[in-house]
């Protein structure tokens, strides 16, 4: 049986930097898809609502709607479902992980 216990040359900083990198990568993929952004924005304008009016209807912060439409939000199917009902439109859901 071979040993090979070493490999402890990786510095602590090197590790966490790589990990951090992987996490920002992760986050990029988890944000709202372009389809969803456009669908919300289209459905909202079709209803003649501003982001603020839609948010008020949903008892949400306008910034939530803004983040969904600008693609910064992390999609949450519960919120998507609420927006969908308020707008009476089918919206693409976040893929289940």
PDB file of N, CA and C in Angstrom:
ATOM      1  N   UNK A   1       0.830  -1.222   0.000  1.00  0.00           N
ATOM      2  CA  UNK A   1       0.000   0.000   0.000  1.00  0.00           C
ATOM      3  C   UNK A   1       0.839   1.235   0.000  1.00  0.00           C
ATOM      4  N   UNK A   2       0.535   2.185  -0.855  1.00  0.00           N
ATOM      5  CA  UNK A   2       1.306   3.424  -0.945  1.00  0.00           C
ATOM      6  C   UNK A   2       0.841   4.436   0.065  1.00  0.00           C
ATOM      7  N   UNK A   3       1.784   5.257   0.520  1.00  0.00           N
ATOM      8  CA  UNK A   3       1.447   6.323   1.469  1.00  0.00           C
ATOM      9  C   UNK A   3       0.963   7.555   0.733  1.00  0.00           C
ATOM     10  N   UNK A   4       1.916   8.453   0.494  1.00  0.00           N
ATOM     11  CA  UNK A   4       1.552   9.693  -0.219  1.00  0.00           C
ATOM     12  C   UNK A   4       0.674  10.578   0.618  1.00  0.00           C
ATOM     13  N   UNK A   5       1.078  10.831   1.865  1.00  0.00           N
ATOM     14  CA  UNK A   5       0.249  11.643   2.736  1.00  0.00           C
ATOM     15  C   UNK A   5       0.398  13.130   2.486  1.00  0.00           C
ATOM     16  N   UNK A   6       1.491  13.547   1.840  1.00  0.00           N
ATOM     17  CA  UNK A   6       1.828  14.971   1.716  1.00  0.00           C
ATOM     18  C   UNK A   6       0.776  15.813   1.020  1.00  0.00           C
ATOM     19  N   UNK A   7       1.218  16.625   0.097  1.00  0.00           N
ATOM     20  CA  UNK A   7       0.303  17.486  -0.644  1.00  0.00           C
ATOM     21  C   UNK A   7      -0.219  18.642   0.176  1.00  0.00           C
ATOM     22  N   UNK A   8       0.437  18.947   1.282  1.00  0.00           N
ATOM     23  CA  UNK A   8      -0.033  20.044   2.111  1.00  0.00           C
ATOM     24  C   UNK A   8       0.609  21.364   1.733  1.00  0.00           C
ATOM     25  N   UNK A   9       1.039  21.470   0.484  1.00  0.00           N
ATOM     26  CA  UNK A   9       1.740  22.679   0.076  1.00  0.00           C
ATOM     27  C   UNK A   9       0.785  23.834  -0.225  1.00  0.00           C
ATOM     28  N   UNK A  10      -0.457  23.522  -0.505  1.00  0.00           N
ATOM     29  CA  UNK A  10      -1.445  24.562  -0.833  1.00  0.00           C
ATOM     30  C   UNK A  10      -1.606  25.515   0.352  1.00  0.00           C
ATOM     31  N   UNK A  11      -1.423  26.791   0.115  1.00  0.00           N
ATOM     32  CA  UNK A  11      -1.568  27.754   1.210  1.00  0.00           C
ATOM     33  C   UNK A  11      -3.039  27.984   1.499  1.00  0.00           C
ATOM     34  N   UNK A  12      -3.325  28.403   2.700  1.00  0.00           N
ATOM     35  CA  UNK A  12      -4.708  28.670   3.083  1.00  0.00           C
ATOM     36  C   UNK A  12      -5.352  29.676   2.151  1.00  0.00           C
ATOM     37  N   UNK A  13      -4.618  30.714   1.810  1.00  0.00           N
ATOM     38  CA  UNK A  13      -5.197  31.749   0.962  1.00  0.00           C
ATOM     39  C   UNK A  13      -5.527  31.215  -0.423  1.00  0.00           C
ATOM     40  N   UNK A  14      -4.639  30.408  -0.961  1.00  0.00           N
ATOM     41  CA  UNK A  14      -4.881  29.831  -2.280  1.00  0.00           C
ATOM     42  C   UNK A  14      -6.192  29.061  -2.307  1.00  0.00           C
ATOM     43  N   UNK A  15      -6.423  28.303  -1.249  1.00  0.00           N
ATOM     44  CA  UNK A  15      -7.635  27.503  -1.156  1.00  0.00           C
ATOM     45  C   UNK A  15      -8.881  28.376  -1.170  1.00  0.00           C
ATOM     46  N   UNK A  16      -8.926  29.332  -0.249  1.00  0.00           N
ATOM     47  CA  UNK A  16     -10.146  30.113  -0.114  1.00  0.00           C
ATOM     48  C   UNK A  16     -10.396  30.969  -1.363  1.00  0.00           C
ATOM     49  N   UNK A  17      -9.333  31.406  -2.015  1.00  0.00           N
ATOM     50  CA  UNK A  17      -9.521  32.196  -3.225  1.00  0.00           C
ATOM     51  C   UNK A  17     -10.201  31.352  -4.291  1.00  0.00           C
ATOM     52  N   UNK A  18      -9.747  30.117  -4.423  1.00  0.00           N
ATOM     53  CA  UNK A  18     -10.346  29.225  -5.411  1.00  0.00           C
ATOM     54  C   UNK A  18     -11.800  28.940  -5.056  1.00  0.00           C
ATOM     55  N   UNK A  19     -12.049  28.766  -3.761  1.00  0.00           N
ATOM     56  CA  UNK A  19     -13.393  28.465  -3.307  1.00  0.00           C
ATOM     57  C   UNK A  19     -14.310  29.661  -3.570  1.00  0.00           C
ATOM     58  N   UNK A  20     -13.809  30.844  -3.281  1.00  0.00           N
ATOM     59  CA  UNK A  20     -14.578  32.055  -3.493  1.00  0.00           C
ATOM     60  C   UNK A  20     -14.942  32.196  -4.964  1.00  0.00           C
ATOM     61  N   UNK A  21     -13.964  31.893  -5.808  1.00  0.00           N
ATOM     62  CA  UNK A  21     -14.168  31.950  -7.233  1.00  0.00           C
ATOM     63  C   UNK A  21     -15.293  31.033  -7.661  1.00  0.00           C
ATOM     64  N   UNK A  22     -15.270  29.815  -7.136  1.00  0.00           N
ATOM     65  CA  UNK A  22     -16.281  28.834  -7.477  1.00  0.00           C
ATOM     66  C   UNK A  22     -17.654  29.318  -7.017  1.00  0.00           C
ATOM     67  N   UNK A  23     -17.684  30.016  -5.891  1.00  0.00           N
ATOM     68  CA  UNK A  23     -18.960  30.472  -5.377  1.00  0.00           C
ATOM     69  C   UNK A  23     -19.550  31.615  -6.186  1.00  0.00           C
ATOM     70  N   UNK A  24     -18.710  32.518  -6.672  1.00  0.00           N
ATOM     71  CA  UNK A  24     -19.245  33.587  -7.507  1.00  0.00           C
ATOM     72  C   UNK A  24     -19.718  33.003  -8.828  1.00  0.00           C
ATOM     73  N   UNK A  25     -19.013  32.008  -9.336  1.00  0.00           N
ATOM     74  CA  UNK A  25     -19.446  31.283 -10.529  1.00  0.00           C
ATOM     75  C   UNK A  25     -20.851  30.729 -10.298  1.00  0.00           C
ATOM     76  N   UNK A  26     -21.001  30.043  -9.167  1.00  0.00           N
ATOM     77  CA  UNK A  26     -22.285  29.455  -8.771  1.00  0.00           C
ATOM     78  C   UNK A  26     -23.382  30.507  -8.813  1.00  0.00           C
ATOM     79  N   UNK A  27     -23.118  31.625  -8.161  1.00  0.00           N
ATOM     80  CA  UNK A  27     -24.117  32.683  -8.050  1.00  0.00           C
ATOM     81  C   UNK A  27     -24.544  33.198  -9.407  1.00  0.00           C
ATOM     82  N   UNK A  28     -23.588  33.330 -10.318  1.00  0.00           N
ATOM     83  CA  UNK A  28     -23.921  33.819 -11.655  1.00  0.00           C
ATOM     84  C   UNK A  28     -24.981  32.942 -12.290  1.00  0.00           C
ATOM     85  N   UNK A  29     -24.867  31.629 -12.081  1.00  0.00           N
ATOM     86  CA  UNK A  29     -25.792  30.716 -12.722  1.00  0.00           C
ATOM     87  C   UNK A  29     -27.151  30.708 -12.051  1.00  0.00           C
ATOM     88  N   UNK A  30     -27.181  31.149 -10.799  1.00  0.00           N
ATOM     89  CA  UNK A  30     -28.431  31.057 -10.071  1.00  0.00           C
ATOM     90  C   UNK A  30     -29.312  32.272 -10.254  1.00  0.00           C
ATOM     91  N   UNK A  31     -28.790  33.325 -10.888  1.00  0.00           N
ATOM     92  CA  UNK A  31     -29.627  34.499 -11.042  1.00  0.00           C
ATOM     93  C   UNK A  31     -30.688  34.261 -12.113  1.00  0.00           C
ATOM     94  N   UNK A  32     -31.668  35.147 -12.119  1.00  0.00           N
ATOM     95  CA  UNK A  32     -32.809  35.071 -13.026  1.00  0.00           C
ATOM     96  C   UNK A  32     -32.355  34.927 -14.478  1.00  0.00           C
ATOM     97  N   UNK A  33     -33.015  34.058 -15.211  1.00  0.00           N
ATOM     98  CA  UNK A  33     -32.664  33.866 -16.621  1.00  0.00           C
ATOM     99  C   UNK A  33     -33.206  35.033 -17.454  1.00  0.00           C
ATOM    100  N   UNK A  34     -32.633  35.192 -18.619  1.00  0.00           N
ATOM    101  CA  UNK A  34     -33.056  36.257 -19.524  1.00  0.00           C
ATOM    102  C   UNK A  34     -34.534  36.074 -19.887  1.00  0.00           C
ATOM    103  N   UNK A  35     -34.952  34.825 -20.092  1.00  0.00           N
ATOM    104  CA  UNK A  35     -36.353  34.537 -20.422  1.00  0.00           C
ATOM    105  C   UNK A  35     -37.289  35.068 -19.348  1.00  0.00           C
ATOM    106  N   UNK A  36     -36.927  34.793 -18.105  1.00  0.00           N
ATOM    107  CA  UNK A  36     -37.774  35.209 -16.995  1.00  0.00           C
ATOM    108  C   UNK A  36     -37.820  36.731 -16.880  1.00  0.00           C
ATOM    109  N   UNK A  37     -36.659  37.350 -17.001  1.00  0.00           N
ATOM    110  CA  UNK A  37     -36.602  38.814 -16.946  1.00  0.00           C
ATOM    111  C   UNK A  37     -37.542  39.439 -17.962  1.00  0.00           C
ATOM    112  N   UNK A  38     -37.429  38.980 -19.191  1.00  0.00           N
ATOM    113  CA  UNK A  38     -38.237  39.545 -20.266  1.00  0.00           C
ATOM    114  C   UNK A  38     -39.706  39.235 -20.064  1.00  0.00           C
ATOM    115  N   UNK A  39     -40.006  38.021 -19.599  1.00  0.00           N
ATOM    116  CA  UNK A  39     -41.398  37.619 -19.398  1.00  0.00           C
ATOM    117  C   UNK A  39     -42.070  38.502 -18.345  1.00  0.00           C
ATOM    118  N   UNK A  40     -41.360  38.767 -17.254  1.00  0.00           N
ATOM    119  CA  UNK A  40     -41.935  39.604 -16.197  1.00  0.00           C
ATOM    120  C   UNK A  40     -42.161  41.021 -16.725  1.00  0.00           C
ATOM    121  N   UNK A  41     -41.141  41.539 -17.368  1.00  0.00           N
ATOM    122  CA  UNK A  41     -41.214  42.899 -17.866  1.00  0.00           C
ATOM    123  C   UNK A  41     -42.329  43.056 -18.912  1.00  0.00           C
ATOM    124  N   UNK A  42     -42.439  42.093 -19.826  1.00  0.00           N
ATOM    125  CA  UNK A  42     -43.503  42.122 -20.854  1.00  0.00           C
ATOM    126  C   UNK A  42     -44.880  42.053 -20.222  1.00  0.00           C
ATOM    127  N   UNK A  43     -45.062  41.073 -19.325  1.00  0.00           N
ATOM    128  CA  UNK A  43     -46.369  40.877 -18.700  1.00  0.00           C
ATOM    129  C   UNK A  43     -46.763  42.102 -17.881  1.00  0.00           C
ATOM    130  N   UNK A  44     -45.775  42.707 -17.223  1.00  0.00           N
ATOM    131  CA  UNK A  44     -46.055  43.869 -16.391  1.00  0.00           C
ATOM    132  C   UNK A  44     -46.477  45.061 -17.244  1.00  0.00           C
ATOM    133  N   UNK A  45     -45.751  45.293 -18.339  1.00  0.00           N
ATOM    134  CA  UNK A  45     -46.111  46.429 -19.185  1.00  0.00           C
ATOM    135  C   UNK A  45     -47.440  46.174 -19.887  1.00  0.00           C
ATOM    136  N   UNK A  46     -47.728  44.913 -20.201  1.00  0.00           N
ATOM    137  CA  UNK A  46     -49.009  44.573 -20.818  1.00  0.00           C
ATOM    138  C   UNK A  46     -50.165  44.945 -19.876  1.00  0.00           C
ATOM    139  N   UNK A  47     -49.924  44.823 -18.579  1.00  0.00           N
ATOM    140  CA  UNK A  47     -50.918  45.179 -17.573  1.00  0.00           C
ATOM    141  C   UNK A  47     -50.923  46.678 -17.285  1.00  0.00           C
ATOM    142  N   UNK A  48     -49.940  47.382 -17.835  1.00  0.00           N
ATOM    143  CA  UNK A  48     -49.828  48.807 -17.594  1.00  0.00           C
ATOM    144  C   UNK A  48     -49.385  49.154 -16.178  1.00  0.00           C
ATOM    145  N   UNK A  49     -48.602  48.268 -15.579  1.00  0.00           N
ATOM    146  CA  UNK A  49     -48.143  48.494 -14.206  1.00  0.00           C
ATOM    147  C   UNK A  49     -46.688  48.936 -14.178  1.00  0.00           C
ATOM    148  N   UNK A  50     -46.374  49.801 -13.233  1.00  0.00           N
ATOM    149  CA  UNK A  50     -44.965  50.103 -12.977  1.00  0.00           C
ATOM    150  C   UNK A  50     -44.440  49.013 -12.046  1.00  0.00           C
ATOM    151  N   UNK A  51     -43.123  48.951 -11.909  1.00  0.00           N
ATOM    152  CA  UNK A  51     -42.535  47.970 -10.977  1.00  0.00           C
ATOM    153  C   UNK A  51     -43.067  48.222  -9.571  1.00  0.00           C
ATOM    154  N   UNK A  52     -43.222  49.488  -9.232  1.00  0.00           N
ATOM    155  CA  UNK A  52     -43.682  49.838  -7.889  1.00  0.00           C
ATOM    156  C   UNK A  52     -45.131  49.388  -7.676  1.00  0.00           C
ATOM    157  N   UNK A  53     -45.975  49.588  -8.680  1.00  0.00           N
ATOM    158  CA  UNK A  53     -47.379  49.179  -8.555  1.00  0.00           C
ATOM    159  C   UNK A  53     -47.495  47.664  -8.413  1.00  0.00           C
ATOM    160  N   UNK A  54     -46.714  46.960  -9.214  1.00  0.00           N
ATOM    161  CA  UNK A  54     -46.721  45.502  -9.126  1.00  0.00           C
ATOM    162  C   UNK A  54     -46.256  45.060  -7.738  1.00  0.00           C
ATOM    163  N   UNK A  55     -45.184  45.660  -7.269  1.00  0.00           N
ATOM    164  CA  UNK A  55     -44.649  45.325  -5.950  1.00  0.00           C
ATOM    165  C   UNK A  55     -45.692  45.584  -4.859  1.00  0.00           C
ATOM    166  N   UNK A  56     -46.397  46.699  -4.976  1.00  0.00           N
ATOM    167  CA  UNK A  56     -47.420  47.048  -3.986  1.00  0.00           C
ATOM    168  C   UNK A  56     -48.518  45.988  -3.973  1.00  0.00           C
ATOM    169  N   UNK A  57     -48.971  45.574  -5.160  1.00  0.00           N
ATOM    170  CA  UNK A  57     -49.976  44.517  -5.266  1.00  0.00           C
ATOM    171  C   UNK A  57     -49.531  43.246  -4.559  1.00  0.00           C
ATOM    172  N   UNK A  58     -48.248  42.973  -4.643  1.00  0.00           N
ATOM    173  CA  UNK A  58     -47.702  41.727  -4.100  1.00  0.00           C
ATOM    174  C   UNK A  58     -47.200  41.876  -2.666  1.00  0.00           C
ATOM    175  N   UNK A  59     -47.343  43.077  -2.100  1.00  0.00           N
ATOM    176  CA  UNK A  59     -46.770  43.356  -0.773  1.00  0.00           C
ATOM    177  C   UNK A  59     -45.279  43.051  -0.738  1.00  0.00           C
ATOM    178  N   UNK A  60     -44.591  43.475  -1.782  1.00  0.00           N
ATOM    179  CA  UNK A  60     -43.143  43.268  -1.841  1.00  0.00           C
ATOM    180  C   UNK A  60     -42.460  44.608  -1.990  1.00  0.00           C
ATOM    181  N   UNK A  61     -41.155  44.613  -1.773  1.00  0.00           N
ATOM    182  CA  UNK A  61     -40.368  45.812  -2.015  1.00  0.00           C
ATOM    183  C   UNK A  61     -40.217  45.981  -3.531  1.00  0.00           C
ATOM    184  N   UNK A  62     -40.382  47.228  -4.041  1.00  0.00           N
ATOM    185  CA  UNK A  62     -40.186  47.459  -5.480  1.00  0.00           C
ATOM    186  C   UNK A  62     -38.835  46.952  -5.959  1.00  0.00           C
ATOM    187  N   UNK A  63     -37.852  46.980  -5.040  1.00  0.00           N
ATOM    188  CA  UNK A  63     -36.511  46.567  -5.424  1.00  0.00           C
ATOM    189  C   UNK A  63     -36.476  45.080  -5.787  1.00  0.00           C
ATOM    190  N   UNK A  64     -37.406  44.280  -5.226  1.00  0.00           N
ATOM    191  CA  UNK A  64     -37.459  42.861  -5.589  1.00  0.00           C
ATOM    192  C   UNK A  64     -37.803  42.722  -7.067  1.00  0.00           C
ATOM    193  N   UNK A  65     -38.850  43.427  -7.485  1.00  0.00           N
ATOM    194  CA  UNK A  65     -39.252  43.389  -8.894  1.00  0.00           C
ATOM    195  C   UNK A  65     -38.118  43.907  -9.768  1.00  0.00           C
ATOM    196  N   UNK A  66     -37.525  44.997  -9.309  1.00  0.00           N
ATOM    197  CA  UNK A  66     -36.423  45.586 -10.065  1.00  0.00           C
ATOM    198  C   UNK A  66     -35.291  44.595 -10.257  1.00  0.00           C
ATOM    199  N   UNK A  67     -34.969  43.853  -9.199  1.00  0.00           N
ATOM    200  CA  UNK A  67     -33.863  42.893  -9.302  1.00  0.00           C
ATOM    201  C   UNK A  67     -34.212  41.731 -10.222  1.00  0.00           C
ATOM    202  N   UNK A  68     -35.478  41.311 -10.201  1.00  0.00           N
ATOM    203  CA  UNK A  68     -35.894  40.258 -11.120  1.00  0.00           C
ATOM    204  C   UNK A  68     -35.770  40.733 -12.561  1.00  0.00           C
ATOM    205  N   UNK A  69     -36.217  41.952 -12.825  1.00  0.00           N
ATOM    206  CA  UNK A  69     -36.193  42.440 -14.201  1.00  0.00           C
ATOM    207  C   UNK A  69     -34.811  42.826 -14.683  1.00  0.00           C
ATOM    208  N   UNK A  70     -33.924  43.164 -13.750  1.00  0.00           N
ATOM    209  CA  UNK A  70     -32.573  43.517 -14.181  1.00  0.00           C
ATOM    210  C   UNK A  70     -31.665  42.297 -14.174  1.00  0.00           C
ATOM    211  N   UNK A  71     -32.206  41.161 -13.694  1.00  0.00           N
ATOM    212  CA  UNK A  71     -31.436  39.925 -13.731  1.00  0.00           C
ATOM    213  C   UNK A  71     -30.495  39.754 -12.555  1.00  0.00           C
ATOM    214  N   UNK A  72     -30.662  40.571 -11.507  1.00  0.00           N
ATOM    215  CA  UNK A  72     -29.774  40.455 -10.351  1.00  0.00           C
ATOM    216  C   UNK A  72     -30.320  39.477  -9.314  1.00  0.00           C
ATOM    217  N   UNK A  73     -31.626  39.244  -9.345  1.00  0.00           N
ATOM    218  CA  UNK A  73     -32.244  38.421  -8.302  1.00  0.00           C
ATOM    219  C   UNK A  73     -31.883  36.947  -8.442  1.00  0.00           C
ATOM    220  N   UNK A  74     -31.896  36.260  -7.309  1.00  0.00           N
ATOM    221  CA  UNK A  74     -31.792  34.804  -7.304  1.00  0.00           C
ATOM    222  C   UNK A  74     -33.233  34.314  -7.395  1.00  0.00           C
ATOM    223  N   UNK A  75     -33.598  33.599  -8.462  1.00  0.00           N
ATOM    224  CA  UNK A  75     -35.011  33.252  -8.646  1.00  0.00           C
ATOM    225  C   UNK A  75     -35.571  32.405  -7.504  1.00  0.00           C
ATOM    226  N   UNK A  76     -36.760  32.754  -7.089  1.00  0.00           N
ATOM    227  CA  UNK A  76     -37.447  32.035  -6.030  1.00  0.00           C
ATOM    228  C   UNK A  76     -38.820  31.693  -6.593  1.00  0.00           C
ATOM    229  N   UNK A  77     -39.103  30.393  -6.734  1.00  0.00           N
ATOM    230  CA  UNK A  77     -40.343  29.989  -7.383  1.00  0.00           C
ATOM    231  C   UNK A  77     -41.600  30.486  -6.673  1.00  0.00           C
ATOM    232  N   UNK A  78     -41.525  30.684  -5.367  1.00  0.00           N
ATOM    233  CA  UNK A  78     -42.691  31.202  -4.647  1.00  0.00           C
ATOM    234  C   UNK A  78     -42.996  32.629  -5.091  1.00  0.00           C
ATOM    235  N   UNK A  79     -41.937  33.414  -5.255  1.00  0.00           N
ATOM    236  CA  UNK A  79     -42.112  34.799  -5.707  1.00  0.00           C
ATOM    237  C   UNK A  79     -42.555  34.814  -7.164  1.00  0.00           C
ATOM    238  N   UNK A  80     -41.945  33.958  -7.977  1.00  0.00           N
ATOM    239  CA  UNK A  80     -42.316  33.884  -9.392  1.00  0.00           C
ATOM    240  C   UNK A  80     -43.799  33.537  -9.518  1.00  0.00           C
ATOM    241  N   UNK A  81     -44.268  32.600  -8.698  1.00  0.00           N
ATOM    242  CA  UNK A  81     -45.676  32.202  -8.731  1.00  0.00           C
ATOM    243  C   UNK A  81     -46.591  33.380  -8.379  1.00  0.00           C
ATOM    244  N   UNK A  82     -46.175  34.176  -7.400  1.00  0.00           N
ATOM    245  CA  UNK A  82     -46.979  35.344  -7.007  1.00  0.00           C
ATOM    246  C   UNK A  82     -47.043  36.364  -8.137  1.00  0.00           C
ATOM    247  N   UNK A  83     -45.895  36.630  -8.744  1.00  0.00           N
ATOM    248  CA  UNK A  83     -45.838  37.595  -9.839  1.00  0.00           C
ATOM    249  C   UNK A  83     -46.720  37.094 -10.985  1.00  0.00           C
ATOM    250  N   UNK A  84     -46.630  35.790 -11.231  1.00  0.00           N
ATOM    251  CA  UNK A  84     -47.402  35.144 -12.287  1.00  0.00           C
ATOM    252  C   UNK A  84     -48.904  35.368 -12.074  1.00  0.00           C
ATOM    253  N   UNK A  85     -49.348  35.145 -10.842  1.00  0.00           N
ATOM    254  CA  UNK A  85     -50.774  35.330 -10.539  1.00  0.00           C
ATOM    255  C   UNK A  85     -51.185  36.788 -10.683  1.00  0.00           C
ATOM    256  N   UNK A  86     -50.349  37.684 -10.183  1.00  0.00           N
ATOM    257  CA  UNK A  86     -50.670  39.109 -10.245  1.00  0.00           C
ATOM    258  C   UNK A  86     -50.760  39.586 -11.692  1.00  0.00           C
ATOM    259  N   UNK A  87     -49.937  39.038 -12.543  1.00  0.00           N
ATOM    260  CA  UNK A  87     -49.885  39.495 -13.931  1.00  0.00           C
ATOM    261  C   UNK A  87     -50.743  38.639 -14.855  1.00  0.00           C
ATOM    262  N   UNK A  88     -51.223  37.509 -14.349  1.00  0.00           N
ATOM    263  CA  UNK A  88     -52.021  36.607 -15.175  1.00  0.00           C
ATOM    264  C   UNK A  88     -51.241  36.105 -16.375  1.00  0.00           C
ATOM    265  N   UNK A  89     -49.969  35.830 -16.158  1.00  0.00           N
ATOM    266  CA  UNK A  89     -49.110  35.366 -17.254  1.00  0.00           C
ATOM    267  C   UNK A  89     -48.306  34.167 -16.802  1.00  0.00           C
ATOM    268  N   UNK A  90     -47.988  33.293 -17.760  1.00  0.00           N
ATOM    269  CA  UNK A  90     -47.111  32.158 -17.448  1.00  0.00           C
ATOM    270  C   UNK A  90     -45.677  32.646 -17.481  1.00  0.00           C
ATOM    271  N   UNK A  91     -44.939  32.359 -16.420  1.00  0.00           N
ATOM    272  CA  UNK A  91     -43.544  32.773 -16.378  1.00  0.00           C
ATOM    273  C   UNK A  91     -42.660  31.525 -16.293  1.00  0.00           C
ATOM    274  N   UNK A  92     -41.484  31.562 -16.917  1.00  0.00           N
ATOM    275  CA  UNK A  92     -40.579  30.424 -16.809  1.00  0.00           C
ATOM    276  C   UNK A  92     -40.099  30.285 -15.372  1.00  0.00           C
ATOM    277  N   UNK A  93     -40.154  29.077 -14.849  1.00  0.00           N
ATOM    278  CA  UNK A  93     -39.733  28.843 -13.478  1.00  0.00           C
ATOM    279  C   UNK A  93     -38.231  28.612 -13.399  1.00  0.00           C
ATOM    280  N   UNK A  94     -37.693  28.806 -12.214  1.00  0.00           N
ATOM    281  CA  UNK A  94     -36.299  28.491 -11.977  1.00  0.00           C
ATOM    282  C   UNK A  94     -36.164  26.979 -12.012  1.00  0.00           C
ATOM    283  N   UNK A  95     -35.126  26.463 -12.664  1.00  0.00           N
ATOM    284  CA  UNK A  95     -34.949  25.001 -12.691  1.00  0.00           C
ATOM    285  C   UNK A  95     -34.750  24.469 -11.292  1.00  0.00           C
ATOM    286  N   UNK A  96     -35.386  23.354 -11.010  1.00  0.00           N
ATOM    287  CA  UNK A  96     -35.227  22.735  -9.691  1.00  0.00           C
ATOM    288  C   UNK A  96     -33.840  22.101  -9.641  1.00  0.00           C
ATOM    289  N   UNK A  97     -33.103  22.398  -8.569  1.00  0.00           N
ATOM    290  CA  UNK A  97     -31.763  21.822  -8.429  1.00  0.00           C
ATOM    291  C   UNK A  97     -31.886  20.464  -7.754  1.00  0.00           C
TER     292      UNK A  97
END
